[in-house]
């Protein structure tokens, strides 16, 4: 008869990081004037321009581990259990001590 027991313990760990960097710039210009031919009033006109950029990075580091232990047991029988189970009810067993034990 052979039986085996294996126990395994383990785990994993992951570290993830990210970094984002950006920059922006803009300009605005405007102009105002007065007009009299359509009535007294102020007029204005303007423009606006902007530039933007950004950069992103990310990275990950991972580790995993496991430890396993295995145990086996071997047992041999002088008489197989099935033979003993199939003996008639009136059978008599005599156990004697031998050089290897009872």
PDB file of N, CA and C in Angstrom:
ATOM      1  N   UNK A   1       0.855  -1.167   0.000  1.00  0.00           N
ATOM      2  CA  UNK A   1       0.000   0.000   0.000  1.00  0.00           C
ATOM      3  C   UNK A   1       0.905   1.235   0.000  1.00  0.00           C
ATOM      4  N   UNK A   2       0.604   2.183  -0.824  1.00  0.00           N
ATOM      5  CA  UNK A   2       1.383   3.409  -0.928  1.00  0.00           C
ATOM      6  C   UNK A   2       0.441   4.586  -0.749  1.00  0.00           C
ATOM      7  N   UNK A   3       0.775   5.480   0.153  1.00  0.00           N
ATOM      8  CA  UNK A   3      -0.026   6.692   0.314  1.00  0.00           C
ATOM      9  C   UNK A   3       0.927   7.880   0.315  1.00  0.00           C
ATOM     10  N   UNK A   4       0.459   9.000  -0.153  1.00  0.00           N
ATOM     11  CA  UNK A   4       1.303  10.187  -0.268  1.00  0.00           C
ATOM     12  C   UNK A   4       0.504  11.412   0.156  1.00  0.00           C
ATOM     13  N   UNK A   5       1.167  12.302   0.872  1.00  0.00           N
ATOM     14  CA  UNK A   5       0.568  13.561   1.304  1.00  0.00           C
ATOM     15  C   UNK A   5       1.501  14.687   0.875  1.00  0.00           C
ATOM     16  N   UNK A   6       0.985  15.663   0.154  1.00  0.00           N
ATOM     17  CA  UNK A   6       1.780  16.806  -0.299  1.00  0.00           C
ATOM     18  C   UNK A   6       1.121  18.079   0.189  1.00  0.00           C
ATOM     19  N   UNK A   7       1.896  18.927   0.843  1.00  0.00           N
ATOM     20  CA  UNK A   7       1.404  20.229   1.310  1.00  0.00           C
ATOM     21  C   UNK A   7       2.202  21.308   0.596  1.00  0.00           C
ATOM     22  N   UNK A   8       1.504  22.241  -0.022  1.00  0.00           N
ATOM     23  CA  UNK A   8       2.152  23.327  -0.758  1.00  0.00           C
ATOM     24  C   UNK A   8       1.673  24.656  -0.200  1.00  0.00           C
ATOM     25  N   UNK A   9       2.609  25.538   0.087  1.00  0.00           N
ATOM     26  CA  UNK A   9       2.305  26.886   0.563  1.00  0.00           C
ATOM     27  C   UNK A   9       3.007  27.849  -0.373  1.00  0.00           C
ATOM     28  N   UNK A  10       2.328  28.910  -0.773  1.00  0.00           N
ATOM     29  CA  UNK A  10       2.950  29.866  -1.680  1.00  0.00           C
ATOM     30  C   UNK A  10       2.141  31.136  -1.769  1.00  0.00           C
ATOM     31  N   UNK A  11       2.626  32.036  -2.574  1.00  0.00           N
ATOM     32  CA  UNK A  11       1.928  33.299  -2.771  1.00  0.00           C
ATOM     33  C   UNK A  11       2.611  34.118  -3.841  1.00  0.00           C
ATOM     34  N   UNK A  12       2.085  35.295  -4.081  1.00  0.00           N
ATOM     35  CA  UNK A  12       2.671  36.199  -5.061  1.00  0.00           C
ATOM     36  C   UNK A  12       2.439  37.635  -4.621  1.00  0.00           C
ATOM     37  N   UNK A  13       3.284  38.498  -5.118  1.00  0.00           N
ATOM     38  CA  UNK A  13       3.191  39.920  -4.786  1.00  0.00           C
ATOM     39  C   UNK A  13       3.551  40.711  -6.034  1.00  0.00           C
ATOM     40  N   UNK A  14       2.756  41.726  -6.340  1.00  0.00           N
ATOM     41  CA  UNK A  14       3.007  42.585  -7.491  1.00  0.00           C
ATOM     42  C   UNK A  14       2.968  44.035  -7.042  1.00  0.00           C
ATOM     43  N   UNK A  15       3.968  44.797  -7.444  1.00  0.00           N
ATOM     44  CA  UNK A  15       4.044  46.223  -7.143  1.00  0.00           C
ATOM     45  C   UNK A  15       3.945  46.975  -8.458  1.00  0.00           C
ATOM     46  N   UNK A  16       2.933  47.829  -8.581  1.00  0.00           N
ATOM     47  CA  UNK A  16       2.719  48.600  -9.800  1.00  0.00           C
ATOM     48  C   UNK A  16       2.861  50.077  -9.482  1.00  0.00           C
ATOM     49  N   UNK A  17       3.617  50.787 -10.311  1.00  0.00           N
ATOM     50  CA  UNK A  17       3.816  52.225 -10.117  1.00  0.00           C
ATOM     51  C   UNK A  17       3.533  52.950 -11.417  1.00  0.00           C
ATOM     52  N   UNK A  18       3.113  54.204 -11.306  1.00  0.00           N
ATOM     53  CA  UNK A  18       2.889  55.015 -12.502  1.00  0.00           C
ATOM     54  C   UNK A  18       3.306  56.452 -12.227  1.00  0.00           C
ATOM     55  N   UNK A  19       3.643  57.160 -13.292  1.00  0.00           N
ATOM     56  CA  UNK A  19       4.135  58.529 -13.195  1.00  0.00           C
ATOM     57  C   UNK A  19       3.596  59.297 -14.395  1.00  0.00           C
ATOM     58  N   UNK A  20       3.039  60.472 -14.163  1.00  0.00           N
ATOM     59  CA  UNK A  20       2.530  61.311 -15.240  1.00  0.00           C
ATOM     60  C   UNK A  20       3.103  62.712 -15.086  1.00  0.00           C
ATOM     61  N   UNK A  21       3.540  63.266 -16.183  1.00  0.00           N
ATOM     62  CA  UNK A  21       4.115  64.605 -16.175  1.00  0.00           C
ATOM     63  C   UNK A  21       3.476  65.394 -17.308  1.00  0.00           C
ATOM     64  N   UNK A  22       3.168  66.657 -17.061  1.00  0.00           N
ATOM     65  CA  UNK A  22       2.537  67.470 -18.090  1.00  0.00           C
ATOM     66  C   UNK A  22       3.020  68.908 -18.069  1.00  0.00           C
ATOM     67  N   UNK A  23       2.721  69.623 -19.161  1.00  0.00           N
ATOM     68  CA  UNK A  23       3.143  71.015 -19.290  1.00  0.00           C
ATOM     69  C   UNK A  23       2.102  71.736 -20.136  1.00  0.00           C
ATOM     70  N   UNK A  24       1.826  72.965 -19.801  1.00  0.00           N
ATOM     71  CA  UNK A  24       0.890  73.761 -20.579  1.00  0.00           C
ATOM     72  C   UNK A  24       1.378  75.190 -20.715  1.00  0.00           C
ATOM     73  N   UNK A  25       1.038  75.812 -21.821  1.00  0.00           N
ATOM     74  CA  UNK A  25       1.435  77.201 -22.079  1.00  0.00           C
ATOM     75  C   UNK A  25       0.354  77.838 -22.933  1.00  0.00           C
ATOM     76  N   UNK A  26       0.107  79.088 -22.698  1.00  0.00           N
ATOM     77  CA  UNK A  26      -0.920  79.759 -23.487  1.00  0.00           C
ATOM     78  C   UNK A  26      -0.620  81.231 -23.689  1.00  0.00           C
ATOM     79  N   UNK A  27      -1.189  81.783 -24.735  1.00  0.00           N
ATOM     80  CA  UNK A  27      -1.078  83.223 -25.009  1.00  0.00           C
ATOM     81  C   UNK A  27      -2.456  83.765 -25.327  1.00  0.00           C
ATOM     82  N   UNK A  28      -2.684  84.969 -24.935  1.00  0.00           N
ATOM     83  CA  UNK A  28      -3.946  85.657 -25.214  1.00  0.00           C
ATOM     84  C   UNK A  28      -3.637  87.059 -25.696  1.00  0.00           C
ATOM     85  N   UNK A  29      -4.305  87.481 -26.724  1.00  0.00           N
ATOM     86  CA  UNK A  29      -4.159  88.862 -27.189  1.00  0.00           C
ATOM     87  C   UNK A  29      -5.557  89.418 -27.442  1.00  0.00           C
ATOM     88  N   UNK A  30      -5.715  90.708 -27.169  1.00  0.00           N
ATOM     89  CA  UNK A  30      -7.012  91.340 -27.405  1.00  0.00           C
ATOM     90  C   UNK A  30      -6.783  92.767 -27.905  1.00  0.00           C
ATOM     91  N   UNK A  31      -7.788  93.285 -28.579  1.00  0.00           N
ATOM     92  CA  UNK A  31      -7.718  94.628 -29.143  1.00  0.00           C
ATOM     93  C   UNK A  31      -9.080  95.286 -28.942  1.00  0.00           C
ATOM     94  N   UNK A  32      -9.063  96.495 -28.509  1.00  0.00           N
ATOM     95  CA  UNK A  32     -10.313  97.250 -28.307  1.00  0.00           C
ATOM     96  C   UNK A  32     -10.243  98.547 -29.094  1.00  0.00           C
ATOM     97  N   UNK A  33     -11.400  99.008 -29.585  1.00  0.00           N
ATOM     98  CA  UNK A  33     -11.476 100.285 -30.304  1.00  0.00           C
ATOM     99  C   UNK A  33     -12.860 100.864 -30.154  1.00  0.00           C
ATOM    100  N   UNK A  34     -13.010 102.091 -30.508  1.00  0.00           N
ATOM    101  CA  UNK A  34     -14.294 102.783 -30.461  1.00  0.00           C
ATOM    102  C   UNK A  34     -14.751 103.077 -31.875  1.00  0.00           C
ATOM    103  N   UNK A  35     -16.022 102.907 -32.102  1.00  0.00           N
ATOM    104  CA  UNK A  35     -16.607 103.198 -33.408  1.00  0.00           C
ATOM    105  C   UNK A  35     -17.702 104.246 -33.232  1.00  0.00           C
ATOM    106  N   UNK A  36     -17.705 105.193 -34.155  1.00  0.00           N
ATOM    107  CA  UNK A  36     -18.700 106.281 -34.072  1.00  0.00           C
ATOM    108  C   UNK A  36     -19.675 106.263 -35.235  1.00  0.00           C
ATOM    109  N   UNK A  37     -19.374 105.606 -36.339  1.00  0.00           N
ATOM    110  CA  UNK A  37     -20.247 105.693 -37.515  1.00  0.00           C
ATOM    111  C   UNK A  37     -21.572 104.961 -37.310  1.00  0.00           C
ATOM    112  N   UNK A  38     -21.647 103.970 -36.441  1.00  0.00           N
ATOM    113  CA  UNK A  38     -22.912 103.290 -36.145  1.00  0.00           C
ATOM    114  C   UNK A  38     -23.453 103.702 -34.788  1.00  0.00           C
ATOM    115  N   UNK A  39     -22.921 104.720 -34.219  1.00  0.00           N
ATOM    116  CA  UNK A  39     -23.296 105.123 -32.872  1.00  0.00           C
ATOM    117  C   UNK A  39     -22.115 104.873 -31.951  1.00  0.00           C
ATOM    118  N   UNK A  40     -22.168 105.527 -30.843  1.00  0.00           N
ATOM    119  CA  UNK A  40     -21.055 105.409 -29.917  1.00  0.00           C
ATOM    120  C   UNK A  40     -21.013 103.997 -29.339  1.00  0.00           C
ATOM    121  N   UNK A  41     -19.845 103.380 -29.317  1.00  0.00           N
ATOM    122  CA  UNK A  41     -19.719 102.043 -28.738  1.00  0.00           C
ATOM    123  C   UNK A  41     -18.277 101.562 -28.750  1.00  0.00           C
ATOM    124  N   UNK A  42     -18.045 100.646 -27.917  1.00  0.00           N
ATOM    125  CA  UNK A  42     -16.724 100.027 -27.847  1.00  0.00           C
ATOM    126  C   UNK A  42     -16.798  98.643 -28.501  1.00  0.00           C
ATOM    127  N   UNK A  43     -15.793  98.321 -29.237  1.00  0.00           N
ATOM    128  CA  UNK A  43     -15.700  97.021 -29.884  1.00  0.00           C
ATOM    129  C   UNK A  43     -14.385  96.377 -29.421  1.00  0.00           C
ATOM    130  N   UNK A  44     -14.379  95.049 -29.396  1.00  0.00           N
ATOM    131  CA  UNK A  44     -13.139  94.349 -29.038  1.00  0.00           C
ATOM    132  C   UNK A  44     -13.065  93.022 -29.786  1.00  0.00           C
ATOM    133  N   UNK A  45     -11.874  92.570 -29.959  1.00  0.00           N
ATOM    134  CA  UNK A  45     -11.637  91.284 -30.613  1.00  0.00           C
ATOM    135  C   UNK A  45     -10.439  90.655 -29.910  1.00  0.00           C
ATOM    136  N   UNK A  46     -10.474  89.357 -29.716  1.00  0.00           N
ATOM    137  CA  UNK A  46      -9.365  88.690 -29.040  1.00  0.00           C
ATOM    138  C   UNK A  46      -9.104  87.304 -29.597  1.00  0.00           C
ATOM    139  N   UNK A  47      -7.927  86.833 -29.385  1.00  0.00           N
ATOM    140  CA  UNK A  47      -7.556  85.465 -29.758  1.00  0.00           C
ATOM    141  C   UNK A  47      -6.833  84.821 -28.579  1.00  0.00           C
ATOM    142  N   UNK A  48      -6.971  83.518 -28.476  1.00  0.00           N
ATOM    143  CA  UNK A  48      -6.316  82.768 -27.404  1.00  0.00           C
ATOM    144  C   UNK A  48      -5.750  81.483 -28.001  1.00  0.00           C
ATOM    145  N   UNK A  49      -4.540  81.157 -27.623  1.00  0.00           N
ATOM    146  CA  UNK A  49      -3.881  79.944 -28.104  1.00  0.00           C
ATOM    147  C   UNK A  49      -3.249  79.238 -26.915  1.00  0.00           C
ATOM    148  N   UNK A  50      -3.337  77.906 -26.892  1.00  0.00           N
ATOM    149  CA  UNK A  50      -2.701  77.161 -25.800  1.00  0.00           C
ATOM    150  C   UNK A  50      -2.045  75.903 -26.352  1.00  0.00           C
ATOM    151  N   UNK A  51      -0.981  75.492 -25.668  1.00  0.00           N
ATOM    152  CA  UNK A  51      -0.263  74.256 -25.992  1.00  0.00           C
ATOM    153  C   UNK A  51      -0.214  73.419 -24.720  1.00  0.00           C
ATOM    154  N   UNK A  52      -0.521  72.152 -24.851  1.00  0.00           N
ATOM    155  CA  UNK A  52      -0.476  71.235 -23.714  1.00  0.00           C
ATOM    156  C   UNK A  52       0.132  69.904 -24.159  1.00  0.00           C
ATOM    157  N   UNK A  53       0.910  69.305 -23.277  1.00  0.00           N
ATOM    158  CA  UNK A  53       1.402  67.960 -23.530  1.00  0.00           C
ATOM    159  C   UNK A  53       1.535  67.229 -22.204  1.00  0.00           C
ATOM    160  N   UNK A  54       1.489  65.913 -22.269  1.00  0.00           N
ATOM    161  CA  UNK A  54       1.687  65.106 -21.065  1.00  0.00           C
ATOM    162  C   UNK A  54       2.331  63.775 -21.457  1.00  0.00           C
ATOM    163  N   UNK A  55       3.045  63.215 -20.515  1.00  0.00           N
ATOM    164  CA  UNK A  55       3.717  61.932 -20.706  1.00  0.00           C
ATOM    165  C   UNK A  55       3.391  61.041 -19.513  1.00  0.00           C
ATOM    166  N   UNK A  56       3.070  59.810 -19.780  1.00  0.00           N
ATOM    167  CA  UNK A  56       2.770  58.860 -18.703  1.00  0.00           C
ATOM    168  C   UNK A  56       3.632  57.616 -18.822  1.00  0.00           C
ATOM    169  N   UNK A  57       4.045  57.098 -17.682  1.00  0.00           N
ATOM    170  CA  UNK A  57       4.824  55.859 -17.627  1.00  0.00           C
ATOM    171  C   UNK A  57       4.251  54.986 -16.526  1.00  0.00           C
ATOM    172  N   UNK A  58       4.342  53.675 -16.703  1.00  0.00           N
ATOM    173  CA  UNK A  58       3.963  52.743 -15.630  1.00  0.00           C
ATOM    174  C   UNK A  58       4.830  51.499 -15.739  1.00  0.00           C
ATOM    175  N   UNK A  59       5.077  50.873 -14.610  1.00  0.00           N
ATOM    176  CA  UNK A  59       5.869  49.651 -14.588  1.00  0.00           C
ATOM    177  C   UNK A  59       5.423  48.794 -13.417  1.00  0.00           C
ATOM    178  N   UNK A  60       5.738  47.508 -13.509  1.00  0.00           N
ATOM    179  CA  UNK A  60       5.313  46.551 -12.482  1.00  0.00           C
ATOM    180  C   UNK A  60       6.451  45.578 -12.193  1.00  0.00           C
ATOM    181  N   UNK A  61       6.603  45.243 -10.937  1.00  0.00           N
ATOM    182  CA  UNK A  61       7.556  44.228 -10.489  1.00  0.00           C
ATOM    183  C   UNK A  61       6.759  43.133  -9.792  1.00  0.00           C
ATOM    184  N   UNK A  62       7.034  41.887 -10.129  1.00  0.00           N
ATOM    185  CA  UNK A  62       6.281  40.788  -9.532  1.00  0.00           C
ATOM    186  C   UNK A  62       7.201  39.699  -8.983  1.00  0.00           C
ATOM    187  N   UNK A  63       6.751  39.064  -7.923  1.00  0.00           N
ATOM    188  CA  UNK A  63       7.473  37.966  -7.290  1.00  0.00           C
ATOM    189  C   UNK A  63       6.465  36.891  -6.904  1.00  0.00           C
ATOM    190  N   UNK A  64       6.830  35.646  -7.122  1.00  0.00           N
ATOM    191  CA  UNK A  64       5.983  34.552  -6.647  1.00  0.00           C
ATOM    192  C   UNK A  64       6.880  33.480  -6.033  1.00  0.00           C
ATOM    193  N   UNK A  65       6.320  32.729  -5.099  1.00  0.00           N
ATOM    194  CA  UNK A  65       7.102  31.709  -4.401  1.00  0.00           C
ATOM    195  C   UNK A  65       6.185  30.571  -3.981  1.00  0.00           C
ATOM    196  N   UNK A  66       6.794  29.415  -3.772  1.00  0.00           N
ATOM    197  CA  UNK A  66       6.046  28.276  -3.236  1.00  0.00           C
ATOM    198  C   UNK A  66       7.022  27.315  -2.567  1.00  0.00           C
ATOM    199  N   UNK A  67       6.552  26.691  -1.519  1.00  0.00           N
ATOM    200  CA  UNK A  67       7.295  25.658  -0.793  1.00  0.00           C
ATOM    201  C   UNK A  67       6.393  24.432  -0.719  1.00  0.00           C
ATOM    202  N   UNK A  68       6.965  23.277  -1.049  1.00  0.00           N
ATOM    203  CA  UNK A  68       6.183  22.044  -1.018  1.00  0.00           C
ATOM    204  C   UNK A  68       6.896  20.998  -0.175  1.00  0.00           C
ATOM    205  N   UNK A  69       6.112  20.265   0.572  1.00  0.00           N
ATOM    206  CA  UNK A  69       6.628  19.150   1.364  1.00  0.00           C
ATOM    207  C   UNK A  69       5.800  17.916   1.018  1.00  0.00           C
ATOM    208  N   UNK A  70       6.483  16.827   0.760  1.00  0.00           N
ATOM    209  CA  UNK A  70       5.788  15.605   0.383  1.00  0.00           C
ATOM    210  C   UNK A  70       6.220  14.473   1.313  1.00  0.00           C
ATOM    211  N   UNK A  71       5.247  13.692   1.756  1.00  0.00           N
ATOM    212  CA  UNK A  71       5.512  12.555   2.637  1.00  0.00           C
ATOM    213  C   UNK A  71       4.871  11.319   2.024  1.00  0.00           C
ATOM    214  N   UNK A  72       5.631  10.252   1.971  1.00  0.00           N
ATOM    215  CA  UNK A  72       5.105   8.992   1.446  1.00  0.00           C
ATOM    216  C   UNK A  72       5.180   7.921   2.529  1.00  0.00           C
ATOM    217  N   UNK A  73       4.202   7.033   2.498  1.00  0.00           N
ATOM    218  CA  UNK A  73       4.189   5.919   3.440  1.00  0.00           C
ATOM    219  C   UNK A  73       3.957   4.634   2.652  1.00  0.00           C
ATOM    220  N   UNK A  74       4.799   3.694   2.885  1.00  0.00           N
ATOM    221  CA  UNK A  74       4.659   2.395   2.231  1.00  0.00           C
ATOM    222  C   UNK A  74       4.444   1.360   3.330  1.00  0.00           C
ATOM    223  N   UNK A  75       3.414   0.579   3.190  1.00  0.00           N
ATOM    224  CA  UNK A  75       3.135  -0.478   4.162  1.00  0.00           C
ATOM    225  C   UNK A  75       2.980  -1.789   3.395  1.00  0.00           C
ATOM    226  N   UNK A  76       3.620  -2.809   3.861  1.00  0.00           N
ATOM    227  CA  UNK A  76       3.490  -4.117   3.242  1.00  0.00           C
ATOM    228  C   UNK A  76       2.838  -5.077   4.222  1.00  0.00           C
ATOM    229  N   UNK A  77       2.054  -5.974   3.722  1.00  0.00           N
ATOM    230  CA  UNK A  77       1.343  -6.924   4.572  1.00  0.00           C
ATOM    231  C   UNK A  77       1.849  -8.327   4.275  1.00  0.00           C
ATOM    232  N   UNK A  78       2.035  -9.107   5.345  1.00  0.00           N
ATOM    233  CA  UNK A  78       2.347 -10.525   5.155  1.00  0.00           C
ATOM    234  C   UNK A  78       1.119 -11.234   4.586  1.00  0.00           C
ATOM    235  N   UNK A  79      -0.044 -10.778   5.003  1.00  0.00           N
ATOM    236  CA  UNK A  79      -1.311 -11.290   4.482  1.00  0.00           C
ATOM    237  C   UNK A  79      -2.115 -10.070   4.056  1.00  0.00           C
ATOM    238  N   UNK A  80      -2.559 -10.079   2.844  1.00  0.00           N
ATOM    239  CA  UNK A  80      -3.318  -8.942   2.340  1.00  0.00           C
ATOM    240  C   UNK A  80      -4.654  -8.826   3.095  1.00  0.00           C
ATOM    241  N   UNK A  81      -5.138  -7.605   3.361  1.00  0.00           N
ATOM    242  CA  UNK A  81      -6.405  -7.420   4.090  1.00  0.00           C
ATOM    243  C   UNK A  81      -7.579  -8.113   3.430  1.00  0.00           C
ATOM    244  N   UNK A  82      -7.612  -8.176   2.104  1.00  0.00           N
ATOM    245  CA  UNK A  82      -8.743  -8.814   1.420  1.00  0.00           C
ATOM    246  C   UNK A  82      -8.809 -10.302   1.752  1.00  0.00           C
ATOM    247  N   UNK A  83      -7.645 -10.935   1.947  1.00  0.00           N
ATOM    248  CA  UNK A  83      -7.628 -12.358   2.309  1.00  0.00           C
ATOM    249  C   UNK A  83      -8.265 -12.551   3.686  1.00  0.00           C
ATOM    250  N   UNK A  84      -7.903 -11.685   4.649  1.00  0.00           N
ATOM    251  CA  UNK A  84      -8.485 -11.794   5.994  1.00  0.00           C
ATOM    252  C   UNK A  84      -9.981 -11.517   5.984  1.00  0.00           C
ATOM    253  N   UNK A  85     -10.408 -10.570   5.162  1.00  0.00           N
ATOM    254  CA  UNK A  85     -11.828 -10.216   5.117  1.00  0.00           C
ATOM    255  C   UNK A  85     -12.674 -11.329   4.509  1.00  0.00           C
ATOM    256  N   UNK A  86     -12.061 -12.170   3.695  1.00  0.00           N
ATOM    257  CA  UNK A  86     -12.823 -13.230   3.023  1.00  0.00           C
ATOM    258  C   UNK A  86     -12.748 -14.577   3.743  1.00  0.00           C
ATOM    259  N   UNK A  87     -12.132 -14.612   4.930  1.00  0.00           N
ATOM    260  CA  UNK A  87     -12.107 -15.866   5.687  1.00  0.00           C
ATOM    261  C   UNK A  87     -13.509 -16.190   6.195  1.00  0.00           C
ATOM    262  N   UNK A  88     -13.808 -17.451   6.361  1.00  0.00           N
ATOM    263  CA  UNK A  88     -15.125 -17.799   6.914  1.00  0.00           C
ATOM    264  C   UNK A  88     -15.240 -17.343   8.375  1.00  0.00           C
ATOM    265  N   UNK A  89     -16.467 -17.217   8.854  1.00  0.00           N
ATOM    266  CA  UNK A  89     -16.712 -16.722  10.212  1.00  0.00           C
ATOM    267  C   UNK A  89     -16.100 -17.619  11.277  1.00  0.00           C
ATOM    268  N   UNK A  90     -15.941 -18.891  11.040  1.00  0.00           N
ATOM    269  CA  UNK A  90     -15.431 -19.821  12.048  1.00  0.00           C
ATOM    270  C   UNK A  90     -13.899 -19.982  11.975  1.00  0.00           C
ATOM    271  N   UNK A  91     -13.207 -19.183  11.124  1.00  0.00           N
ATOM    272  CA  UNK A  91     -11.748 -19.311  10.980  1.00  0.00           C
ATOM    273  C   UNK A  91     -11.058 -18.822  12.246  1.00  0.00           C
ATOM    274  N   UNK A  92      -9.948 -19.449  12.572  1.00  0.00           N
ATOM    275  CA  UNK A  92      -9.154 -19.105  13.745  1.00  0.00           C
ATOM    276  C   UNK A  92      -7.787 -18.641  13.271  1.00  0.00           C
ATOM    277  N   UNK A  93      -7.340 -17.454  13.760  1.00  0.00           N
ATOM    278  CA  UNK A  93      -6.029 -16.929  13.393  1.00  0.00           C
ATOM    279  C   UNK A  93      -5.083 -17.107  14.546  1.00  0.00           C
ATOM    280  N   UNK A  94      -3.885 -17.557  14.265  1.00  0.00           N
ATOM    281  CA  UNK A  94      -2.872 -17.752  15.275  1.00  0.00           C
ATOM    282  C   UNK A  94      -1.706 -16.837  14.943  1.00  0.00           C
ATOM    283  N   UNK A  95      -1.406 -15.886  15.842  1.00  0.00           N
ATOM    284  CA  UNK A  95      -0.290 -14.953  15.615  1.00  0.00           C
ATOM    285  C   UNK A  95       0.883 -15.409  16.444  1.00  0.00           C
ATOM    286  N   UNK A  96       2.040 -15.492  15.840  1.00  0.00           N
ATOM    287  CA  UNK A  96       3.269 -15.875  16.565  1.00  0.00           C
ATOM    288  C   UNK A  96       4.317 -14.789  16.346  1.00  0.00           C
ATOM    289  N   UNK A  97       5.256 -14.751  17.266  1.00  0.00           N
ATOM    290  CA  UNK A  97       6.321 -13.770  17.157  1.00  0.00           C
ATOM    291  C   UNK A  97       7.419 -14.367  16.273  1.00  0.00           C
ATOM    292  N   UNK A  98       7.831 -13.582  15.285  1.00  0.00           N
ATOM    293  CA  UNK A  98       8.906 -14.010  14.401  1.00  0.00           C
ATOM    294  C   UNK A  98      10.119 -13.117  14.575  1.00  0.00           C
ATOM    295  N   UNK A  99      11.175 -13.282  13.775  1.00  0.00           N
ATOM    296  CA  UNK A  99      12.371 -12.472  13.910  1.00  0.00           C
ATOM    297  C   UNK A  99      12.103 -10.988  13.612  1.00  0.00           C
ATOM    298  N   UNK A 100      11.104 -10.670  12.794  1.00  0.00           N
ATOM    299  CA  UNK A 100      10.803  -9.270  12.471  1.00  0.00           C
ATOM    300  C   UNK A 100       9.721  -8.701  13.356  1.00  0.00           C
ATOM    301  N   UNK A 101       9.165  -9.452  14.285  1.00  0.00           N
ATOM    302  CA  UNK A 101       8.107  -8.969  15.156  1.00  0.00           C
ATOM    303  C   UNK A 101       6.903  -9.877  15.074  1.00  0.00           C
ATOM    304  N   UNK A 102       5.804  -9.511  15.704  1.00  0.00           N
ATOM    305  CA  UNK A 102       4.620 -10.375  15.711  1.00  0.00           C
ATOM    306  C   UNK A 102       3.995 -10.490  14.328  1.00  0.00           C
TER     307      UNK A 102
END
